[in-house]
Amino acid sequence: MSQPANKLVFVGGMGAGKTTAVRAISDVEPVSTEMPLSEDAYGDKVETTVALDYSSIELDDGELLHVYGVPGQRYLDFMWPMVCEGALGVIVLVSARHPEPIASTVELLQEFSRIAPQASLAVGITRTDEHPELLVPDVRQALLEAGFRLPVMRVDARSAAQVTFLVKSLLSYRYAQTQ
């Protein structure tokens, strides 16, 4: 089975906004595998992705960008390598309300650098309106100290414009790396 040529994957912990981001930028209704949570385990979250989210976006040149979101729960991490195979980019979404947002971001970047070594990486920090104390410069500096030089920005996963800007930043960064 051949992999899509233009593939982008959203990763992150539960509640980081992966499904929401995929929905925000999709040209068509995404395929989603959300299931109800059996208990209120994560604030206002009532559903969680159990396999993947998938959609596509038509690029300016008419090509399709295939967009995936993977589950954030560790017991579903067997999906990560399958979905990330051949990805040109991986966007790590981290919720500012996560108890250890920087440490979890570094862990995910290390994991996905290993899973998808050919992919460019970027970080989007969600829910900063709820937790304004998590500042982008602090996250960027911590990631630099951990060996990651990549785009890092605040993003509202519900905003098509903000998610699109994050995607374009990743693609621009990827293009600059290949020049």
N, C-alpha and C. Protein backbone atom coordinates (compact mmCIF):
# COMPACT_ATOMS: atom_id res chain seq x y z
N MET A 1 0.85 -1.18 0.00
CA MET A 1 0.00 0.00 0.00
C MET A 1 0.89 1.24 0.00
N SER A 2 0.71 2.13 -0.95
CA SER A 2 1.55 3.32 -1.01
C SER A 2 1.03 4.40 -0.06
N GLN A 3 1.98 5.18 0.45
CA GLN A 3 1.66 6.25 1.39
C GLN A 3 1.40 7.54 0.60
N PRO A 4 0.53 8.41 1.12
CA PRO A 4 0.32 9.71 0.47
C PRO A 4 1.64 10.50 0.44
N ALA A 5 1.87 11.22 -0.63
CA ALA A 5 3.11 11.98 -0.78
C ALA A 5 3.16 13.17 0.17
N ASN A 6 2.06 13.81 0.39
CA ASN A 6 1.99 14.98 1.26
C ASN A 6 1.19 14.61 2.50
N LYS A 7 1.89 14.30 3.57
CA LYS A 7 1.24 13.80 4.78
C LYS A 7 1.71 14.61 5.98
N LEU A 8 0.75 15.05 6.78
CA LEU A 8 1.02 15.83 7.99
C LEU A 8 0.28 15.17 9.14
N VAL A 9 0.95 15.06 10.30
CA VAL A 9 0.36 14.37 11.44
C VAL A 9 0.36 15.30 12.65
N PHE A 10 -0.80 15.40 13.30
CA PHE A 10 -0.92 16.11 14.58
C PHE A 10 -0.80 15.09 15.69
N VAL A 11 0.09 15.37 16.65
CA VAL A 11 0.28 14.49 17.79
C VAL A 11 0.20 15.33 19.06
N GLY A 12 0.06 14.67 20.18
CA GLY A 12 0.02 15.37 21.46
C GLY A 12 -0.76 14.58 22.47
N GLY A 13 -0.75 15.05 23.69
CA GLY A 13 -1.46 14.38 24.76
C GLY A 13 -2.96 14.52 24.61
N MET A 14 -3.68 13.77 25.44
CA MET A 14 -5.13 13.82 25.42
C MET A 14 -5.59 15.23 25.79
N GLY A 15 -6.49 15.77 24.98
CA GLY A 15 -7.03 17.10 25.23
C GLY A 15 -6.20 18.24 24.67
N ALA A 16 -5.17 17.94 23.87
CA ALA A 16 -4.31 18.99 23.32
C ALA A 16 -4.94 19.72 22.14
N GLY A 17 -5.95 19.11 21.48
CA GLY A 17 -6.62 19.78 20.38
C GLY A 17 -6.37 19.18 19.01
N LYS A 18 -5.89 17.96 18.95
CA LYS A 18 -5.56 17.35 17.65
C LYS A 18 -6.79 17.21 16.76
N THR A 19 -7.84 16.61 17.27
CA THR A 19 -9.08 16.43 16.49
C THR A 19 -9.65 17.78 16.09
N THR A 20 -9.64 18.71 17.00
CA THR A 20 -10.16 20.06 16.74
C THR A 20 -9.36 20.75 15.64
N ALA A 21 -8.03 20.60 15.67
CA ALA A 21 -7.18 21.22 14.64
C ALA A 21 -7.43 20.60 13.28
N VAL A 22 -7.56 19.27 13.22
CA VAL A 22 -7.84 18.61 11.95
C VAL A 22 -9.16 19.12 11.39
N ARG A 23 -10.17 19.21 12.24
CA ARG A 23 -11.48 19.71 11.80
C ARG A 23 -11.41 21.16 11.32
N ALA A 24 -10.60 21.97 12.00
CA ALA A 24 -10.53 23.39 11.69
C ALA A 24 -10.00 23.66 10.28
N ILE A 25 -9.06 22.83 9.81
CA ILE A 25 -8.41 23.13 8.53
C ILE A 25 -8.87 22.24 7.38
N SER A 26 -9.77 21.32 7.64
CA SER A 26 -10.18 20.35 6.62
C SER A 26 -11.07 20.98 5.56
N ASP A 27 -10.85 20.52 4.32
CA ASP A 27 -11.73 20.92 3.21
C ASP A 27 -13.00 20.09 3.17
N VAL A 28 -12.93 18.90 3.74
CA VAL A 28 -14.07 17.97 3.75
C VAL A 28 -14.29 17.52 5.19
N GLU A 29 -15.44 16.92 5.44
CA GLU A 29 -15.71 16.40 6.79
C GLU A 29 -14.69 15.31 7.13
N PRO A 30 -13.95 15.47 8.23
CA PRO A 30 -12.93 14.48 8.57
C PRO A 30 -13.53 13.14 8.98
N VAL A 31 -12.77 12.10 8.72
CA VAL A 31 -13.06 10.79 9.27
C VAL A 31 -12.54 10.83 10.71
N SER A 32 -13.37 10.48 11.65
CA SER A 32 -12.98 10.57 13.05
C SER A 32 -13.35 9.28 13.77
N THR A 33 -12.51 8.89 14.71
CA THR A 33 -12.79 7.69 15.51
C THR A 33 -12.94 8.07 16.97
N GLU A 34 -13.67 9.15 17.21
CA GLU A 34 -13.88 9.57 18.59
C GLU A 34 -14.95 8.71 19.26
N MET A 35 -14.67 8.38 20.50
CA MET A 35 -15.59 7.60 21.30
C MET A 35 -15.81 8.33 22.62
N PRO A 36 -16.98 8.15 23.23
CA PRO A 36 -17.23 8.80 24.51
C PRO A 36 -16.27 8.28 25.59
N LEU A 37 -15.84 9.19 26.45
CA LEU A 37 -15.05 8.78 27.60
C LEU A 37 -15.98 8.13 28.61
N SER A 38 -15.49 7.11 29.28
CA SER A 38 -16.33 6.42 30.26
C SER A 38 -16.50 7.24 31.54
N GLU A 39 -15.61 8.18 31.77
CA GLU A 39 -15.72 9.06 32.92
C GLU A 39 -15.16 10.42 32.55
N ASP A 40 -15.45 11.40 33.34
CA ASP A 40 -14.95 12.75 33.08
C ASP A 40 -13.50 12.84 33.54
N ALA A 41 -12.62 12.22 32.74
CA ALA A 41 -11.23 12.09 33.13
C ALA A 41 -10.39 13.32 32.81
N TYR A 42 -10.89 14.21 31.99
CA TYR A 42 -10.06 15.33 31.56
C TYR A 42 -10.90 16.59 31.39
N GLY A 43 -11.35 17.14 32.50
CA GLY A 43 -12.08 18.40 32.47
C GLY A 43 -13.35 18.32 31.64
N ASP A 44 -13.44 19.18 30.63
CA ASP A 44 -14.65 19.28 29.81
C ASP A 44 -14.64 18.32 28.63
N LYS A 45 -13.62 17.49 28.51
CA LYS A 45 -13.50 16.56 27.39
C LYS A 45 -14.46 15.39 27.59
N VAL A 46 -15.31 15.13 26.61
CA VAL A 46 -16.29 14.05 26.73
C VAL A 46 -16.03 12.92 25.73
N GLU A 47 -15.16 13.16 24.74
CA GLU A 47 -14.82 12.14 23.75
C GLU A 47 -13.31 12.09 23.58
N THR A 48 -12.82 10.97 23.07
CA THR A 48 -11.39 10.83 22.79
C THR A 48 -11.20 10.01 21.53
N THR A 49 -10.12 10.29 20.81
CA THR A 49 -9.80 9.56 19.58
C THR A 49 -9.21 8.20 19.96
N VAL A 50 -9.73 7.14 19.33
CA VAL A 50 -9.26 5.79 19.65
C VAL A 50 -8.47 5.14 18.51
N ALA A 51 -8.42 5.73 17.35
CA ALA A 51 -7.61 5.19 16.25
C ALA A 51 -6.90 6.35 15.55
N LEU A 52 -7.65 7.16 14.82
CA LEU A 52 -7.07 8.32 14.16
C LEU A 52 -8.16 9.23 13.63
N ASP A 53 -7.74 10.44 13.30
CA ASP A 53 -8.58 11.38 12.54
C ASP A 53 -7.90 11.52 11.19
N TYR A 54 -8.70 11.73 10.13
CA TYR A 54 -8.12 11.90 8.81
C TYR A 54 -8.96 12.87 8.00
N SER A 55 -8.26 13.71 7.26
CA SER A 55 -8.91 14.57 6.30
C SER A 55 -7.87 15.01 5.28
N SER A 56 -8.27 15.90 4.40
CA SER A 56 -7.34 16.42 3.40
C SER A 56 -7.62 17.89 3.16
N ILE A 57 -6.59 18.55 2.64
CA ILE A 57 -6.65 19.97 2.30
C ILE A 57 -6.09 20.11 0.90
N GLU A 58 -6.79 20.83 0.04
CA GLU A 58 -6.24 21.08 -1.29
C GLU A 58 -5.29 22.27 -1.21
N LEU A 59 -4.06 22.04 -1.63
CA LEU A 59 -3.04 23.09 -1.62
C LEU A 59 -3.21 24.00 -2.82
N ASP A 60 -2.51 25.13 -2.81
CA ASP A 60 -2.63 26.11 -3.88
C ASP A 60 -2.32 25.52 -5.25
N ASP A 61 -1.39 24.55 -5.31
CA ASP A 61 -1.02 23.96 -6.59
C ASP A 61 -1.94 22.80 -7.00
N GLY A 62 -3.01 22.57 -6.23
CA GLY A 62 -3.97 21.52 -6.56
C GLY A 62 -3.67 20.17 -5.93
N GLU A 63 -2.47 20.01 -5.36
CA GLU A 63 -2.15 18.76 -4.67
C GLU A 63 -2.91 18.68 -3.35
N LEU A 64 -3.07 17.45 -2.85
CA LEU A 64 -3.73 17.26 -1.57
C LEU A 64 -2.70 17.09 -0.46
N LEU A 65 -2.97 17.73 0.67
CA LEU A 65 -2.21 17.51 1.89
C LEU A 65 -3.09 16.61 2.75
N HIS A 66 -2.59 15.41 3.05
CA HIS A 66 -3.33 14.45 3.86
C HIS A 66 -3.01 14.74 5.32
N VAL A 67 -4.04 14.97 6.12
CA VAL A 67 -3.87 15.40 7.51
C VAL A 67 -4.42 14.33 8.45
N TYR A 68 -3.59 13.95 9.41
CA TYR A 68 -3.96 12.92 10.38
C TYR A 68 -3.81 13.46 11.80
N GLY A 69 -4.61 12.93 12.69
CA GLY A 69 -4.44 13.14 14.12
C GLY A 69 -4.38 11.77 14.77
N VAL A 70 -3.43 11.58 15.67
CA VAL A 70 -3.30 10.28 16.33
C VAL A 70 -3.75 10.39 17.78
N PRO A 71 -4.13 9.26 18.38
CA PRO A 71 -4.54 9.29 19.78
C PRO A 71 -3.38 9.71 20.69
N GLY A 72 -3.71 10.39 21.76
CA GLY A 72 -2.68 10.84 22.70
C GLY A 72 -2.38 9.88 23.82
N GLN A 73 -3.22 8.90 24.02
CA GLN A 73 -3.02 7.97 25.12
C GLN A 73 -1.89 6.99 24.79
N ARG A 74 -1.02 6.74 25.76
CA ARG A 74 0.13 5.85 25.56
C ARG A 74 -0.30 4.43 25.19
N TYR A 75 -1.41 3.95 25.70
CA TYR A 75 -1.80 2.58 25.37
C TYR A 75 -2.24 2.44 23.91
N LEU A 76 -2.38 3.56 23.21
CA LEU A 76 -2.71 3.53 21.78
C LEU A 76 -1.52 3.96 20.91
N ASP A 77 -0.32 4.03 21.51
CA ASP A 77 0.84 4.52 20.76
C ASP A 77 1.31 3.58 19.66
N PHE A 78 0.78 2.36 19.60
CA PHE A 78 1.12 1.47 18.49
C PHE A 78 0.66 2.05 17.15
N MET A 79 -0.30 2.99 17.19
CA MET A 79 -0.79 3.64 15.96
C MET A 79 0.22 4.65 15.42
N TRP A 80 1.03 5.21 16.29
CA TRP A 80 1.91 6.31 15.90
C TRP A 80 2.84 5.97 14.73
N PRO A 81 3.60 4.89 14.77
CA PRO A 81 4.50 4.61 13.63
C PRO A 81 3.74 4.35 12.33
N MET A 82 2.60 3.68 12.42
CA MET A 82 1.82 3.39 11.21
C MET A 82 1.35 4.68 10.55
N VAL A 83 0.82 5.59 11.34
CA VAL A 83 0.29 6.83 10.78
C VAL A 83 1.41 7.76 10.33
N CYS A 84 2.53 7.76 11.04
CA CYS A 84 3.62 8.69 10.73
C CYS A 84 4.53 8.23 9.59
N GLU A 85 4.37 7.00 9.14
CA GLU A 85 5.23 6.51 8.06
C GLU A 85 5.10 7.42 6.83
N GLY A 86 6.24 7.97 6.41
CA GLY A 86 6.26 8.83 5.23
C GLY A 86 5.80 10.26 5.45
N ALA A 87 5.52 10.64 6.68
CA ALA A 87 5.04 12.00 6.95
C ALA A 87 6.12 13.03 6.64
N LEU A 88 5.73 14.13 6.01
CA LEU A 88 6.68 15.21 5.78
C LEU A 88 6.75 16.14 6.98
N GLY A 89 5.71 16.11 7.82
CA GLY A 89 5.70 16.96 9.00
C GLY A 89 4.90 16.37 10.14
N VAL A 90 5.36 16.66 11.36
CA VAL A 90 4.65 16.28 12.58
C VAL A 90 4.50 17.53 13.43
N ILE A 91 3.27 17.85 13.78
CA ILE A 91 3.01 18.99 14.65
C ILE A 91 2.62 18.45 16.02
N VAL A 92 3.42 18.81 17.03
CA VAL A 92 3.13 18.44 18.40
C VAL A 92 2.27 19.54 19.00
N LEU A 93 1.06 19.18 19.40
CA LEU A 93 0.20 20.11 20.12
C LEU A 93 0.32 19.79 21.61
N VAL A 94 0.53 20.83 22.40
CA VAL A 94 0.63 20.67 23.84
C VAL A 94 -0.36 21.63 24.50
N SER A 95 -1.14 21.11 25.41
CA SER A 95 -2.09 21.92 26.14
C SER A 95 -1.38 22.65 27.27
N ALA A 96 -1.60 23.94 27.38
CA ALA A 96 -1.00 24.72 28.47
C ALA A 96 -1.53 24.26 29.82
N ARG A 97 -2.63 23.54 29.84
CA ARG A 97 -3.15 23.05 31.12
C ARG A 97 -2.55 21.70 31.53
N HIS A 98 -1.68 21.13 30.69
CA HIS A 98 -0.98 19.89 31.05
C HIS A 98 -0.12 20.17 32.29
N PRO A 99 -0.07 19.25 33.23
CA PRO A 99 0.71 19.49 34.46
C PRO A 99 2.20 19.73 34.20
N GLU A 100 2.77 19.11 33.18
CA GLU A 100 4.18 19.27 32.82
C GLU A 100 4.30 19.53 31.32
N PRO A 101 3.85 20.69 30.84
CA PRO A 101 3.78 20.89 29.38
C PRO A 101 5.13 20.84 28.67
N ILE A 102 6.17 21.39 29.26
CA ILE A 102 7.47 21.41 28.58
C ILE A 102 8.07 20.01 28.56
N ALA A 103 8.04 19.33 29.67
CA ALA A 103 8.60 17.97 29.73
C ALA A 103 7.86 17.03 28.78
N SER A 104 6.54 17.14 28.72
CA SER A 104 5.78 16.26 27.82
C SER A 104 6.07 16.60 26.37
N THR A 105 6.30 17.86 26.06
CA THR A 105 6.63 18.27 24.69
C THR A 105 7.98 17.71 24.28
N VAL A 106 8.97 17.84 25.15
CA VAL A 106 10.31 17.29 24.85
C VAL A 106 10.20 15.78 24.64
N GLU A 107 9.44 15.10 25.49
CA GLU A 107 9.28 13.64 25.36
C GLU A 107 8.65 13.28 24.02
N LEU A 108 7.60 14.01 23.62
CA LEU A 108 6.96 13.73 22.34
C LEU A 108 7.88 14.05 21.16
N LEU A 109 8.63 15.13 21.24
CA LEU A 109 9.57 15.47 20.16
C LEU A 109 10.64 14.39 20.02
N GLN A 110 11.14 13.90 21.14
CA GLN A 110 12.14 12.82 21.08
C GLN A 110 11.52 11.57 20.46
N GLU A 111 10.31 11.23 20.90
CA GLU A 111 9.63 10.03 20.40
C GLU A 111 9.37 10.12 18.89
N PHE A 112 8.83 11.25 18.44
CA PHE A 112 8.48 11.37 17.02
C PHE A 112 9.69 11.65 16.14
N SER A 113 10.78 12.15 16.69
CA SER A 113 12.03 12.25 15.93
C SER A 113 12.54 10.86 15.59
N ARG A 114 12.31 9.93 16.49
CA ARG A 114 12.71 8.55 16.28
C ARG A 114 11.74 7.84 15.33
N ILE A 115 10.43 8.04 15.54
CA ILE A 115 9.40 7.38 14.74
C ILE A 115 9.40 7.87 13.29
N ALA A 116 9.56 9.18 13.11
CA ALA A 116 9.49 9.79 11.77
C ALA A 116 10.71 10.69 11.56
N PRO A 117 11.89 10.09 11.41
CA PRO A 117 13.12 10.90 11.32
C PRO A 117 13.17 11.82 10.10
N GLN A 118 12.41 11.51 9.06
CA GLN A 118 12.40 12.34 7.85
C GLN A 118 11.47 13.54 7.98
N ALA A 119 10.64 13.56 9.00
CA ALA A 119 9.62 14.62 9.13
C ALA A 119 10.20 15.87 9.80
N SER A 120 9.73 17.01 9.35
CA SER A 120 10.01 18.26 10.05
C SER A 120 9.03 18.36 11.21
N LEU A 121 9.44 19.09 12.26
CA LEU A 121 8.63 19.19 13.47
C LEU A 121 8.27 20.64 13.77
N ALA A 122 7.13 20.82 14.42
CA ALA A 122 6.72 22.13 14.92
C ALA A 122 5.88 21.89 16.18
N VAL A 123 5.76 22.93 17.00
CA VAL A 123 5.00 22.83 18.25
C VAL A 123 3.95 23.93 18.29
N GLY A 124 2.73 23.55 18.61
CA GLY A 124 1.64 24.49 18.84
C GLY A 124 1.19 24.37 20.28
N ILE A 125 1.14 25.48 20.99
CA ILE A 125 0.71 25.47 22.39
C ILE A 125 -0.74 25.91 22.43
N THR A 126 -1.61 25.03 22.90
CA THR A 126 -3.05 25.31 22.95
C THR A 126 -3.47 25.68 24.37
N ARG A 127 -4.67 26.23 24.47
CA ARG A 127 -5.30 26.59 25.75
C ARG A 127 -4.49 27.60 26.56
N THR A 128 -3.75 28.47 25.86
CA THR A 128 -2.98 29.49 26.57
C THR A 128 -3.89 30.58 27.14
N ASP A 129 -5.11 30.67 26.62
CA ASP A 129 -6.06 31.62 27.20
C ASP A 129 -6.44 31.21 28.62
N GLU A 130 -6.44 29.91 28.89
CA GLU A 130 -6.76 29.40 30.22
C GLU A 130 -5.55 29.42 31.15
N HIS A 131 -4.35 29.36 30.59
CA HIS A 131 -3.12 29.30 31.37
C HIS A 131 -2.06 30.21 30.74
N PRO A 132 -2.24 31.53 30.89
CA PRO A 132 -1.32 32.48 30.24
C PRO A 132 0.09 32.47 30.81
N GLU A 133 0.31 31.78 31.92
CA GLU A 133 1.65 31.74 32.50
C GLU A 133 2.65 30.92 31.68
N LEU A 134 2.15 30.05 30.80
CA LEU A 134 3.04 29.29 29.92
C LEU A 134 3.38 30.17 28.72
N LEU A 135 4.60 30.69 28.70
CA LEU A 135 5.01 31.64 27.68
C LEU A 135 5.81 30.97 26.58
N VAL A 136 5.54 31.34 25.33
CA VAL A 136 6.21 30.76 24.17
C VAL A 136 7.73 30.90 24.27
N PRO A 137 8.29 32.07 24.65
CA PRO A 137 9.76 32.16 24.73
C PRO A 137 10.36 31.15 25.72
N ASP A 138 9.66 30.89 26.82
CA ASP A 138 10.16 29.92 27.80
C ASP A 138 10.15 28.51 27.20
N VAL A 139 9.09 28.17 26.49
CA VAL A 139 9.00 26.86 25.86
C VAL A 139 10.06 26.73 24.78
N ARG A 140 10.19 27.75 23.95
CA ARG A 140 11.19 27.74 22.88
C ARG A 140 12.60 27.56 23.44
N GLN A 141 12.92 28.26 24.52
CA GLN A 141 14.25 28.15 25.13
C GLN A 141 14.48 26.75 25.69
N ALA A 142 13.49 26.19 26.36
CA ALA A 142 13.62 24.83 26.91
C ALA A 142 13.81 23.82 25.79
N LEU A 143 13.11 24.01 24.68
CA LEU A 143 13.26 23.08 23.55
C LEU A 143 14.64 23.23 22.90
N LEU A 144 15.13 24.45 22.81
CA LEU A 144 16.50 24.67 22.29
C LEU A 144 17.52 23.96 23.17
N GLU A 145 17.35 24.08 24.48
CA GLU A 145 18.26 23.44 25.42
C GLU A 145 18.20 21.91 25.30
N ALA A 146 17.06 21.39 24.87
CA ALA A 146 16.90 19.94 24.68
C ALA A 146 17.34 19.52 23.28
N GLY A 147 17.80 20.49 22.45
CA GLY A 147 18.31 20.16 21.13
C GLY A 147 17.31 20.31 19.99
N PHE A 148 16.19 20.96 20.24
CA PHE A 148 15.16 21.12 19.20
C PHE A 148 15.05 22.58 18.79
N ARG A 149 15.42 22.85 17.53
CA ARG A 149 15.26 24.18 16.94
C ARG A 149 14.17 24.05 15.90
N LEU A 150 12.99 24.61 16.21
CA LEU A 150 11.83 24.42 15.35
C LEU A 150 10.79 25.50 15.64
N PRO A 151 9.79 25.63 14.77
CA PRO A 151 8.74 26.62 15.03
C PRO A 151 7.94 26.26 16.28
N VAL A 152 7.72 27.26 17.14
CA VAL A 152 6.91 27.11 18.35
C VAL A 152 5.99 28.31 18.42
N MET A 153 4.69 28.08 18.56
CA MET A 153 3.76 29.21 18.66
C MET A 153 2.49 28.84 19.40
N ARG A 154 1.83 29.85 19.91
CA ARG A 154 0.50 29.68 20.49
C ARG A 154 -0.47 29.43 19.35
N VAL A 155 -1.46 28.58 19.61
CA VAL A 155 -2.46 28.32 18.58
C VAL A 155 -3.78 27.95 19.25
N ASP A 156 -4.83 28.53 18.74
CA ASP A 156 -6.17 28.12 19.13
C ASP A 156 -6.59 27.06 18.13
N ALA A 157 -6.69 25.81 18.59
CA ALA A 157 -6.97 24.69 17.67
C ALA A 157 -8.31 24.83 16.97
N ARG A 158 -9.19 25.69 17.45
CA ARG A 158 -10.50 25.91 16.81
C ARG A 158 -10.41 26.89 15.64
N SER A 159 -9.31 27.62 15.56
CA SER A 159 -9.15 28.67 14.55
C SER A 159 -8.45 28.15 13.30
N ALA A 160 -9.19 28.09 12.20
CA ALA A 160 -8.60 27.65 10.94
C ALA A 160 -7.40 28.51 10.57
N ALA A 161 -7.49 29.82 10.78
CA ALA A 161 -6.40 30.72 10.42
C ALA A 161 -5.14 30.42 11.23
N GLN A 162 -5.30 30.19 12.53
CA GLN A 162 -4.13 29.93 13.37
C GLN A 162 -3.52 28.56 13.08
N VAL A 163 -4.34 27.55 12.90
CA VAL A 163 -3.82 26.21 12.60
C VAL A 163 -3.15 26.22 11.23
N THR A 164 -3.75 26.89 10.26
CA THR A 164 -3.16 27.01 8.93
C THR A 164 -1.81 27.72 9.00
N PHE A 165 -1.71 28.76 9.80
CA PHE A 165 -0.45 29.48 9.97
C PHE A 165 0.62 28.55 10.56
N LEU A 166 0.23 27.73 11.53
CA LEU A 166 1.17 26.76 12.12
C LEU A 166 1.63 25.76 11.07
N VAL A 167 0.71 25.25 10.27
CA VAL A 167 1.05 24.30 9.20
C VAL A 167 1.99 24.97 8.20
N LYS A 168 1.68 26.19 7.78
CA LYS A 168 2.54 26.90 6.82
C LYS A 168 3.92 27.18 7.41
N SER A 169 3.97 27.44 8.72
CA SER A 169 5.26 27.65 9.37
C SER A 169 6.10 26.38 9.32
N LEU A 170 5.47 25.24 9.59
CA LEU A 170 6.18 23.96 9.50
C LEU A 170 6.67 23.73 8.07
N LEU A 171 5.81 23.94 7.09
CA LEU A 171 6.19 23.70 5.69
C LEU A 171 7.30 24.66 5.25
N SER A 172 7.24 25.92 5.68
CA SER A 172 8.29 26.89 5.35
C SER A 172 9.61 26.48 6.00
N TYR A 173 9.53 26.04 7.24
CA TYR A 173 10.73 25.58 7.96
C TYR A 173 11.32 24.37 7.24
N ARG A 174 10.47 23.46 6.81
CA ARG A 174 10.93 22.27 6.08
C ARG A 174 11.63 22.69 4.79
N TYR A 175 11.03 23.61 4.06
CA TYR A 175 11.60 24.07 2.79
C TYR A 175 12.96 24.73 3.04
N ALA A 176 13.05 25.55 4.10
CA ALA A 176 14.31 26.23 4.42
C ALA A 176 15.39 25.22 4.79
N GLN A 177 15.03 24.13 5.43
CA GLN A 177 16.00 23.10 5.81
C GLN A 177 16.58 22.39 4.60
N THR A 178 15.81 22.29 3.52
CA THR A 178 16.27 21.55 2.34
C THR A 178 17.06 22.42 1.37
N GLN A 179 17.12 23.69 1.62
CA GLN A 179 17.84 24.62 0.73
C GLN A 179 19.29 24.75 1.11
